[in-house]
Amino acid sequence: MDKNEIFEKLKNTLVDEFDIDEALVTPEARLYEDLNLDSIDAVDLIVKLKSMLPRNIDPEVFKQVRTMQDVVNAIDNLMQDSSGK
């Protein structure tokens, strides 16, 4: 799965599960300020993303994310690490 596919899956999850306007979900969108996610939403999002990840997510990784692109990069890094690349 490449970064574009990760972004699309993430965007679809936010639109479908969190009722966020699709137009707001851009790579530059800030999770808390632009998308109005709170810490509980962020945890819920991580739970929903587990199905696309090869292993458990270290919550510390997601404490550093601020934008949609940060989330995509974090997921991509987890996927790369687990595939041995």
C-alpha atoms as a PDB file:
ATOM      1  CA  MET A   1       0.000   0.000   0.000  1.00  0.00           C
ATOM      2  CA  ASP A   2       1.471   3.344  -0.990  1.00  0.00           C
ATOM      3  CA  LYS A   3       0.994   6.716   0.674  1.00  0.00           C
ATOM      4  CA  ASN A   4      -1.849   7.701  -1.662  1.00  0.00           C
ATOM      5  CA  GLU A   5      -3.768   4.544  -0.765  1.00  0.00           C
ATOM      6  CA  ILE A   6      -3.124   5.140   2.934  1.00  0.00           C
ATOM      7  CA  PHE A   7      -4.402   8.709   2.612  1.00  0.00           C
ATOM      8  CA  GLU A   8      -7.545   7.604   0.761  1.00  0.00           C
ATOM      9  CA  LYS A   9      -8.332   4.932   3.337  1.00  0.00           C
ATOM     10  CA  LEU A  10      -7.733   7.405   6.150  1.00  0.00           C
ATOM     11  CA  LYS A  11      -9.888  10.040   4.440  1.00  0.00           C
ATOM     12  CA  ASN A  12     -12.714   7.552   3.887  1.00  0.00           C
ATOM     13  CA  THR A  13     -12.568   6.546   7.546  1.00  0.00           C
ATOM     14  CA  LEU A  14     -12.775  10.168   8.692  1.00  0.00           C
ATOM     15  CA  VAL A  15     -15.670  10.947   6.345  1.00  0.00           C
ATOM     16  CA  ASP A  16     -17.625   7.744   7.050  1.00  0.00           C
ATOM     17  CA  GLU A  17     -16.927   7.183  10.731  1.00  0.00           C
ATOM     18  CA  PHE A  18     -16.398  10.706  12.052  1.00  0.00           C
ATOM     19  CA  ASP A  19     -18.777  12.585   9.753  1.00  0.00           C
ATOM     20  CA  ILE A  20     -16.085  15.026   8.622  1.00  0.00           C
ATOM     21  CA  ASP A  21     -16.647  17.002   5.433  1.00  0.00           C
ATOM     22  CA  GLU A  22     -14.553  15.381   2.691  1.00  0.00           C
ATOM     23  CA  ALA A  23     -13.455  18.813   1.431  1.00  0.00           C
ATOM     24  CA  LEU A  24     -11.690  19.439   4.759  1.00  0.00           C
ATOM     25  CA  VAL A  25      -9.617  16.262   4.592  1.00  0.00           C
ATOM     26  CA  THR A  26      -6.406  17.273   2.844  1.00  0.00           C
ATOM     27  CA  PRO A  27      -2.801  16.216   3.511  1.00  0.00           C
ATOM     28  CA  GLU A  28      -2.188  19.601   5.176  1.00  0.00           C
ATOM     29  CA  ALA A  29      -5.294  19.428   7.384  1.00  0.00           C
ATOM     30  CA  ARG A  30      -4.462  19.653  11.080  1.00  0.00           C
ATOM     31  CA  LEU A  31      -6.214  16.917  13.020  1.00  0.00           C
ATOM     32  CA  TYR A  32      -7.258  18.986  15.996  1.00  0.00           C
ATOM     33  CA  GLU A  33      -7.632  22.488  14.593  1.00  0.00           C
ATOM     34  CA  ASP A  34      -8.987  21.828  11.087  1.00  0.00           C
ATOM     35  CA  LEU A  35     -10.786  18.504  11.514  1.00  0.00           C
ATOM     36  CA  ASN A  36     -11.944  19.116  15.093  1.00  0.00           C
ATOM     37  CA  LEU A  37     -10.759  15.745  16.354  1.00  0.00           C
ATOM     38  CA  ASP A  38     -10.248  15.496  20.075  1.00  0.00           C
ATOM     39  CA  SER A  39      -8.026  13.043  21.937  1.00  0.00           C
ATOM     40  CA  ILE A  40     -10.833  10.483  22.222  1.00  0.00           C
ATOM     41  CA  ASP A  41     -11.440  10.720  18.460  1.00  0.00           C
ATOM     42  CA  ALA A  42      -7.723  10.241  17.853  1.00  0.00           C
ATOM     43  CA  VAL A  43      -7.698   7.037  19.912  1.00  0.00           C
ATOM     44  CA  ASP A  44     -10.822   5.831  18.107  1.00  0.00           C
ATOM     45  CA  LEU A  45      -9.158   6.550  14.769  1.00  0.00           C
ATOM     46  CA  ILE A  46      -6.104   4.504  15.752  1.00  0.00           C
ATOM     47  CA  VAL A  47      -8.383   1.594  16.699  1.00  0.00           C
ATOM     48  CA  LYS A  48     -10.095   1.799  13.305  1.00  0.00           C
ATOM     49  CA  LEU A  49      -6.728   1.941  11.511  1.00  0.00           C
ATOM     50  CA  LYS A  50      -5.406  -1.195  13.194  1.00  0.00           C
ATOM     51  CA  SER A  51      -7.048  -3.333  10.523  1.00  0.00           C
ATOM     52  CA  MET A  52      -4.762  -1.892   7.843  1.00  0.00           C
ATOM     53  CA  LEU A  53      -1.588  -2.181   9.882  1.00  0.00           C
ATOM     54  CA  PRO A  54       0.701  -5.201  10.058  1.00  0.00           C
ATOM     55  CA  ARG A  55       1.277  -4.867  13.790  1.00  0.00           C
ATOM     56  CA  ASN A  56       0.153  -2.973  16.841  1.00  0.00           C
ATOM     57  CA  ILE A  57       0.614   0.763  16.896  1.00  0.00           C
ATOM     58  CA  ASP A  58       2.861   2.347  19.471  1.00  0.00           C
ATOM     59  CA  PRO A  59       0.770   5.234  20.827  1.00  0.00           C
ATOM     60  CA  GLU A  60       3.970   7.260  21.197  1.00  0.00           C
ATOM     61  CA  VAL A  61       4.238   7.418  17.404  1.00  0.00           C
ATOM     62  CA  PHE A  62       0.888   9.147  17.163  1.00  0.00           C
ATOM     63  CA  LYS A  63       1.581  11.668  19.905  1.00  0.00           C
ATOM     64  CA  GLN A  64       3.837  13.448  17.408  1.00  0.00           C
ATOM     65  CA  VAL A  65       1.355  13.674  14.539  1.00  0.00           C
ATOM     66  CA  ARG A  66      -0.390  16.951  13.821  1.00  0.00           C
ATOM     67  CA  THR A  67      -1.564  16.750  10.203  1.00  0.00           C
ATOM     68  CA  MET A  68      -3.109  14.154   7.930  1.00  0.00           C
ATOM     69  CA  GLN A  69       0.247  13.816   6.161  1.00  0.00           C
ATOM     70  CA  ASP A  70       1.916  13.084   9.512  1.00  0.00           C
ATOM     71  CA  VAL A  71      -0.533  10.217  10.041  1.00  0.00           C
ATOM     72  CA  VAL A  72       0.072   8.889   6.522  1.00  0.00           C
ATOM     73  CA  ASN A  73       3.840   9.041   7.053  1.00  0.00           C
ATOM     74  CA  ALA A  74       3.599   7.301  10.436  1.00  0.00           C
ATOM     75  CA  ILE A  75       1.474   4.489   8.985  1.00  0.00           C
ATOM     76  CA  ASP A  76       3.788   4.174   5.977  1.00  0.00           C
ATOM     77  CA  ASN A  77       6.811   3.940   8.288  1.00  0.00           C
ATOM     78  CA  LEU A  78       5.123   1.223  10.358  1.00  0.00           C
ATOM     79  CA  MET A  79       4.354  -0.714   7.196  1.00  0.00           C
ATOM     80  CA  GLN A  80       7.900  -0.313   5.873  1.00  0.00           C
ATOM     81  CA  ASP A  81       9.418  -1.396   9.210  1.00  0.00           C
ATOM     82  CA  SER A  82       7.323  -4.529   9.355  1.00  0.00           C
ATOM     83  CA  SER A  83       8.133  -5.558   5.781  1.00  0.00           C
ATOM     84  CA  GLY A  84      11.847  -5.306   6.438  1.00  0.00           C
ATOM     85  CA  LYS A  85      12.474  -2.583   3.882  1.00  0.00           C
END
